[in-house]
Amino acid sequence: MTELMHARLAAECLKVLDQSGYDVEQCIIDAKCEERMRAMGKPYVTPSLSPTMNDFTAQSAFWLFLQLDGLDVAGVGVKYQDVAKENVAEFWERTISRQYPPSGKSTTVSVDIKDAISEFAGRLIYMGDLYVRDGQRGSRNTLTIFVRLLHLFAAM
């Protein structure tokens, strides 16, 4: 898909959301974004997207917020991981073990997926921490358009 096609589809998604009274804001991952997620009622941000556990740049990560009448009603984080030709399974094992150290409180489940992802290379996109404020849940159409827009922005 070309950049122009991405832009056209993103514009259509924004138009549909706007017609329903929604606005969308993209912001660089920092402590303010985490505060906005907590203000919506999300009790935590995963270590993988936490600005206190990672050093993000404007090119390596962002949050997308859905707003209704100026109020954040949904949010989701995106980060890019440029693994080039590194073994993705080893990269994830190394980074996840630092971000989710054993605490004794829960059991970490490990799945051997090295063969399945041995061909992954280049720039990977991690999306997580999708959260919708209580009282704003229920519209599959709005959420579908918001997530579609997220996919388009992440791929641009």
C-alpha atoms as a PDB file:
ATOM      1  CA  MET A   1       0.000   0.000   0.000  1.00  0.00           C
ATOM      2  CA  THR A   2       1.419   3.392  -0.964  1.00  0.00           C
ATOM      3  CA  GLU A   3       1.764   6.345   1.406  1.00  0.00           C
ATOM      4  CA  LEU A   4      -0.937   8.142  -0.569  1.00  0.00           C
ATOM      5  CA  MET A   5      -3.337   5.248  -0.017  1.00  0.00           C
ATOM      6  CA  HIS A   6      -2.485   5.275   3.700  1.00  0.00           C
ATOM      7  CA  ALA A   7      -3.178   9.010   3.830  1.00  0.00           C
ATOM      8  CA  ARG A   8      -6.510   8.676   2.015  1.00  0.00           C
ATOM      9  CA  LEU A   9      -7.687   5.861   4.269  1.00  0.00           C
ATOM     10  CA  ALA A  10      -6.550   7.755   7.375  1.00  0.00           C
ATOM     11  CA  ALA A  11      -8.468  10.820   6.179  1.00  0.00           C
ATOM     12  CA  GLU A  12     -11.587   8.706   5.688  1.00  0.00           C
ATOM     13  CA  CYS A  13     -11.259   7.232   9.207  1.00  0.00           C
ATOM     14  CA  LEU A  14     -10.816  10.715  10.684  1.00  0.00           C
ATOM     15  CA  LYS A  15     -13.852  11.939   8.755  1.00  0.00           C
ATOM     16  CA  VAL A  16     -16.061   9.106  10.061  1.00  0.00           C
ATOM     17  CA  LEU A  17     -14.893   9.699  13.641  1.00  0.00           C
ATOM     18  CA  ASP A  18     -15.394  13.463  13.279  1.00  0.00           C
ATOM     19  CA  GLN A  19     -18.952  12.932  12.028  1.00  0.00           C
ATOM     20  CA  SER A  20     -19.614  10.967  15.227  1.00  0.00           C
ATOM     21  CA  GLY A  21     -18.225  13.806  17.374  1.00  0.00           C
ATOM     22  CA  TYR A  22     -14.779  12.308  18.029  1.00  0.00           C
ATOM     23  CA  ASP A  23     -11.327  13.807  17.669  1.00  0.00           C
ATOM     24  CA  VAL A  24      -7.996  11.977  17.543  1.00  0.00           C
ATOM     25  CA  GLU A  25      -4.702  13.123  19.022  1.00  0.00           C
ATOM     26  CA  GLN A  26      -1.294  11.575  18.498  1.00  0.00           C
ATOM     27  CA  CYS A  27       1.355  12.259  21.120  1.00  0.00           C
ATOM     28  CA  ILE A  28       4.907  11.206  21.785  1.00  0.00           C
ATOM     29  CA  ILE A  29       5.269   8.729  24.615  1.00  0.00           C
ATOM     30  CA  ASP A  30       6.157  10.536  27.820  1.00  0.00           C
ATOM     31  CA  ALA A  31       4.908  10.728  31.396  1.00  0.00           C
ATOM     32  CA  LYS A  32       1.956  12.911  30.329  1.00  0.00           C
ATOM     33  CA  CYS A  33       0.617  10.127  28.124  1.00  0.00           C
ATOM     34  CA  GLU A  34       0.818   7.665  30.994  1.00  0.00           C
ATOM     35  CA  GLU A  35      -1.040  10.159  33.210  1.00  0.00           C
ATOM     36  CA  ARG A  36      -3.758  10.472  30.556  1.00  0.00           C
ATOM     37  CA  MET A  37      -4.197   6.691  30.482  1.00  0.00           C
ATOM     38  CA  ARG A  38      -4.498   6.596  34.278  1.00  0.00           C
ATOM     39  CA  ALA A  39      -6.997   9.468  34.196  1.00  0.00           C
ATOM     40  CA  MET A  40      -9.208   7.306  31.976  1.00  0.00           C
ATOM     41  CA  GLY A  41      -9.121   4.573  34.600  1.00  0.00           C
ATOM     42  CA  LYS A  42      -6.328   2.315  33.316  1.00  0.00           C
ATOM     43  CA  PRO A  43      -4.525   1.219  36.473  1.00  0.00           C
ATOM     44  CA  TYR A  44      -1.134   0.665  34.806  1.00  0.00           C
ATOM     45  CA  VAL A  45       0.884   1.003  31.632  1.00  0.00           C
ATOM     46  CA  THR A  46       2.809  -2.099  30.630  1.00  0.00           C
ATOM     47  CA  PRO A  47       6.591  -1.926  31.047  1.00  0.00           C
ATOM     48  CA  SER A  48       7.036  -2.257  27.296  1.00  0.00           C
ATOM     49  CA  LEU A  49       5.353   1.123  26.728  1.00  0.00           C
ATOM     50  CA  SER A  50       6.267   2.845  29.980  1.00  0.00           C
ATOM     51  CA  PRO A  51       8.375   5.990  29.553  1.00  0.00           C
ATOM     52  CA  THR A  52       9.987   5.292  32.934  1.00  0.00           C
ATOM     53  CA  MET A  53      11.364   1.954  31.687  1.00  0.00           C
ATOM     54  CA  ASN A  54      12.293   2.945  28.130  1.00  0.00           C
ATOM     55  CA  ASP A  55      13.920   5.784  26.251  1.00  0.00           C
ATOM     56  CA  PHE A  56      11.594   6.733  23.409  1.00  0.00           C
ATOM     57  CA  THR A  57      12.023   9.235  20.610  1.00  0.00           C
ATOM     58  CA  ALA A  58       9.460  10.828  18.315  1.00  0.00           C
ATOM     59  CA  GLN A  59      10.423   8.210  15.714  1.00  0.00           C
ATOM     60  CA  SER A  60      10.318   5.186  18.024  1.00  0.00           C
ATOM     61  CA  ALA A  61       6.927   5.400  19.738  1.00  0.00           C
ATOM     62  CA  PHE A  62       3.642   7.253  20.109  1.00  0.00           C
ATOM     63  CA  TRP A  63       0.232   7.151  21.776  1.00  0.00           C
ATOM     64  CA  LEU A  64      -3.028   7.660  19.954  1.00  0.00           C
ATOM     65  CA  PHE A  65      -5.952   9.088  21.938  1.00  0.00           C
ATOM     66  CA  LEU A  66      -9.617   9.168  20.958  1.00  0.00           C
ATOM     67  CA  GLN A  67     -11.452  12.160  22.419  1.00  0.00           C
ATOM     68  CA  LEU A  68     -15.101  13.082  22.780  1.00  0.00           C
ATOM     69  CA  ASP A  69     -15.890  16.685  23.755  1.00  0.00           C
ATOM     70  CA  GLY A  70     -12.239  17.183  24.742  1.00  0.00           C
ATOM     71  CA  LEU A  71     -12.226  14.150  27.070  1.00  0.00           C
ATOM     72  CA  ASP A  72      -9.914  11.200  26.419  1.00  0.00           C
ATOM     73  CA  VAL A  73     -12.163   8.171  25.949  1.00  0.00           C
ATOM     74  CA  ALA A  74      -9.655   5.680  24.507  1.00  0.00           C
ATOM     75  CA  GLY A  75      -5.919   5.338  24.124  1.00  0.00           C
ATOM     76  CA  VAL A  76      -3.346   2.925  22.758  1.00  0.00           C
ATOM     77  CA  GLY A  77       0.438   2.879  22.522  1.00  0.00           C
ATOM     78  CA  VAL A  78       2.741   1.964  19.651  1.00  0.00           C
ATOM     79  CA  LYS A  79       6.470   1.386  19.602  1.00  0.00           C
ATOM     80  CA  TYR A  80       8.792   0.385  16.828  1.00  0.00           C
ATOM     81  CA  GLN A  81      11.547  -2.137  17.326  1.00  0.00           C
ATOM     82  CA  ASP A  82      14.205  -2.165  14.629  1.00  0.00           C
ATOM     83  CA  VAL A  83      15.723  -5.598  15.080  1.00  0.00           C
ATOM     84  CA  ALA A  84      17.384  -5.664  11.640  1.00  0.00           C
ATOM     85  CA  LYS A  85      18.620  -9.235  11.229  1.00  0.00           C
ATOM     86  CA  GLU A  86      18.870 -10.047  14.940  1.00  0.00           C
ATOM     87  CA  ASN A  87      17.069 -13.168  16.106  1.00  0.00           C
ATOM     88  CA  VAL A  88      13.696 -11.812  17.232  1.00  0.00           C
ATOM     89  CA  ALA A  89      13.090 -14.559  19.787  1.00  0.00           C
ATOM     90  CA  GLU A  90      16.406 -13.772  21.497  1.00  0.00           C
ATOM     91  CA  PHE A  91      15.716 -10.023  21.339  1.00  0.00           C
ATOM     92  CA  TRP A  92      12.284 -10.451  22.939  1.00  0.00           C
ATOM     93  CA  GLU A  93      13.615 -12.865  25.554  1.00  0.00           C
ATOM     94  CA  ARG A  94      16.320 -10.364  26.545  1.00  0.00           C
ATOM     95  CA  THR A  95      14.073  -7.292  26.655  1.00  0.00           C
ATOM     96  CA  ILE A  96      11.035  -8.958  28.210  1.00  0.00           C
ATOM     97  CA  SER A  97      13.108 -10.537  30.983  1.00  0.00           C
ATOM     98  CA  ARG A  98      14.289  -7.034  31.983  1.00  0.00           C
ATOM     99  CA  GLN A  99      10.828  -5.499  31.795  1.00  0.00           C
ATOM    100  CA  TYR A 100       9.016  -8.356  33.522  1.00  0.00           C
ATOM    101  CA  PRO A 101      11.446  -9.734  36.125  1.00  0.00           C
ATOM    102  CA  PRO A 102      10.239 -12.650  38.251  1.00  0.00           C
ATOM    103  CA  SER A 103       8.534 -11.276  41.336  1.00  0.00           C
ATOM    104  CA  GLY A 104       7.474 -14.456  43.050  1.00  0.00           C
ATOM    105  CA  LYS A 105       3.877 -13.226  42.864  1.00  0.00           C
ATOM    106  CA  SER A 106       3.004 -14.778  39.537  1.00  0.00           C
ATOM    107  CA  THR A 107       4.279 -17.396  37.166  1.00  0.00           C
ATOM    108  CA  THR A 108       5.707 -16.388  33.822  1.00  0.00           C
ATOM    109  CA  VAL A 109       4.565 -18.629  31.011  1.00  0.00           C
ATOM    110  CA  SER A 110       7.169 -19.246  28.334  1.00  0.00           C
ATOM    111  CA  VAL A 111       6.348 -20.478  24.870  1.00  0.00           C
ATOM    112  CA  ASP A 112       9.031 -21.634  22.470  1.00  0.00           C
ATOM    113  CA  ILE A 113       8.293 -19.732  19.289  1.00  0.00           C
ATOM    114  CA  LYS A 114      11.823 -19.456  17.916  1.00  0.00           C
ATOM    115  CA  ASP A 115      11.036 -21.500  14.828  1.00  0.00           C
ATOM    116  CA  ALA A 116       7.831 -19.598  14.101  1.00  0.00           C
ATOM    117  CA  ILE A 117       9.496 -16.182  14.178  1.00  0.00           C
ATOM    118  CA  SER A 118      12.943 -17.035  12.871  1.00  0.00           C
ATOM    119  CA  GLU A 119      12.162 -15.197   9.642  1.00  0.00           C
ATOM    120  CA  PHE A 120      11.056 -11.946  11.310  1.00  0.00           C
ATOM    121  CA  ALA A 121      13.478  -9.123  10.600  1.00  0.00           C
ATOM    122  CA  GLY A 122      13.577  -5.387  10.135  1.00  0.00           C
ATOM    123  CA  ARG A 123      11.189  -3.007  11.825  1.00  0.00           C
ATOM    124  CA  LEU A 124       8.552  -4.576  14.064  1.00  0.00           C
ATOM    125  CA  ILE A 125       5.537  -2.705  15.410  1.00  0.00           C
ATOM    126  CA  TYR A 126       4.328  -3.361  18.954  1.00  0.00           C
ATOM    127  CA  MET A 127       0.855  -2.110  19.836  1.00  0.00           C
ATOM    128  CA  GLY A 128      -0.469  -2.364  23.355  1.00  0.00           C
ATOM    129  CA  ASP A 129      -2.288  -0.955  26.342  1.00  0.00           C
ATOM    130  CA  LEU A 130      -5.501  -0.353  24.407  1.00  0.00           C
ATOM    131  CA  TYR A 131      -7.970   1.024  26.916  1.00  0.00           C
ATOM    132  CA  VAL A 132     -11.456   2.481  26.632  1.00  0.00           C
ATOM    133  CA  ARG A 133     -12.901   4.570  29.458  1.00  0.00           C
ATOM    134  CA  ASP A 134     -15.839   3.042  31.375  1.00  0.00           C
ATOM    135  CA  GLY A 135     -19.091   4.419  30.048  1.00  0.00           C
ATOM    136  CA  GLN A 136     -17.597   4.819  26.558  1.00  0.00           C
ATOM    137  CA  ARG A 137     -17.426   1.137  25.682  1.00  0.00           C
ATOM    138  CA  GLY A 138     -19.874  -0.566  23.396  1.00  0.00           C
ATOM    139  CA  SER A 139     -19.496   0.938  19.933  1.00  0.00           C
ATOM    140  CA  ARG A 140     -17.710  -1.653  17.842  1.00  0.00           C
ATOM    141  CA  ASN A 141     -17.827   0.659  14.843  1.00  0.00           C
ATOM    142  CA  THR A 142     -16.033   3.509  16.637  1.00  0.00           C
ATOM    143  CA  LEU A 143     -13.412   1.164  18.100  1.00  0.00           C
ATOM    144  CA  THR A 144     -12.896  -0.539  14.711  1.00  0.00           C
ATOM    145  CA  ILE A 145     -12.322   2.804  12.980  1.00  0.00           C
ATOM    146  CA  PHE A 146      -9.986   3.971  15.778  1.00  0.00           C
ATOM    147  CA  VAL A 147      -7.903   0.779  15.594  1.00  0.00           C
ATOM    148  CA  ARG A 148      -7.865   0.912  11.793  1.00  0.00           C
ATOM    149  CA  LEU A 149      -6.539   4.474  12.060  1.00  0.00           C
ATOM    150  CA  LEU A 150      -3.909   3.265  14.532  1.00  0.00           C
ATOM    151  CA  HIS A 151      -2.744   0.602  12.068  1.00  0.00           C
ATOM    152  CA  LEU A 152      -2.510   3.195   9.295  1.00  0.00           C
ATOM    153  CA  PHE A 153      -0.554   5.667  11.429  1.00  0.00           C
ATOM    154  CA  ALA A 154       1.781   2.924  12.640  1.00  0.00           C
ATOM    155  CA  ALA A 155       2.512   1.841   9.070  1.00  0.00           C
ATOM    156  CA  MET A 156       3.184   5.367   7.785  1.00  0.00           C
END
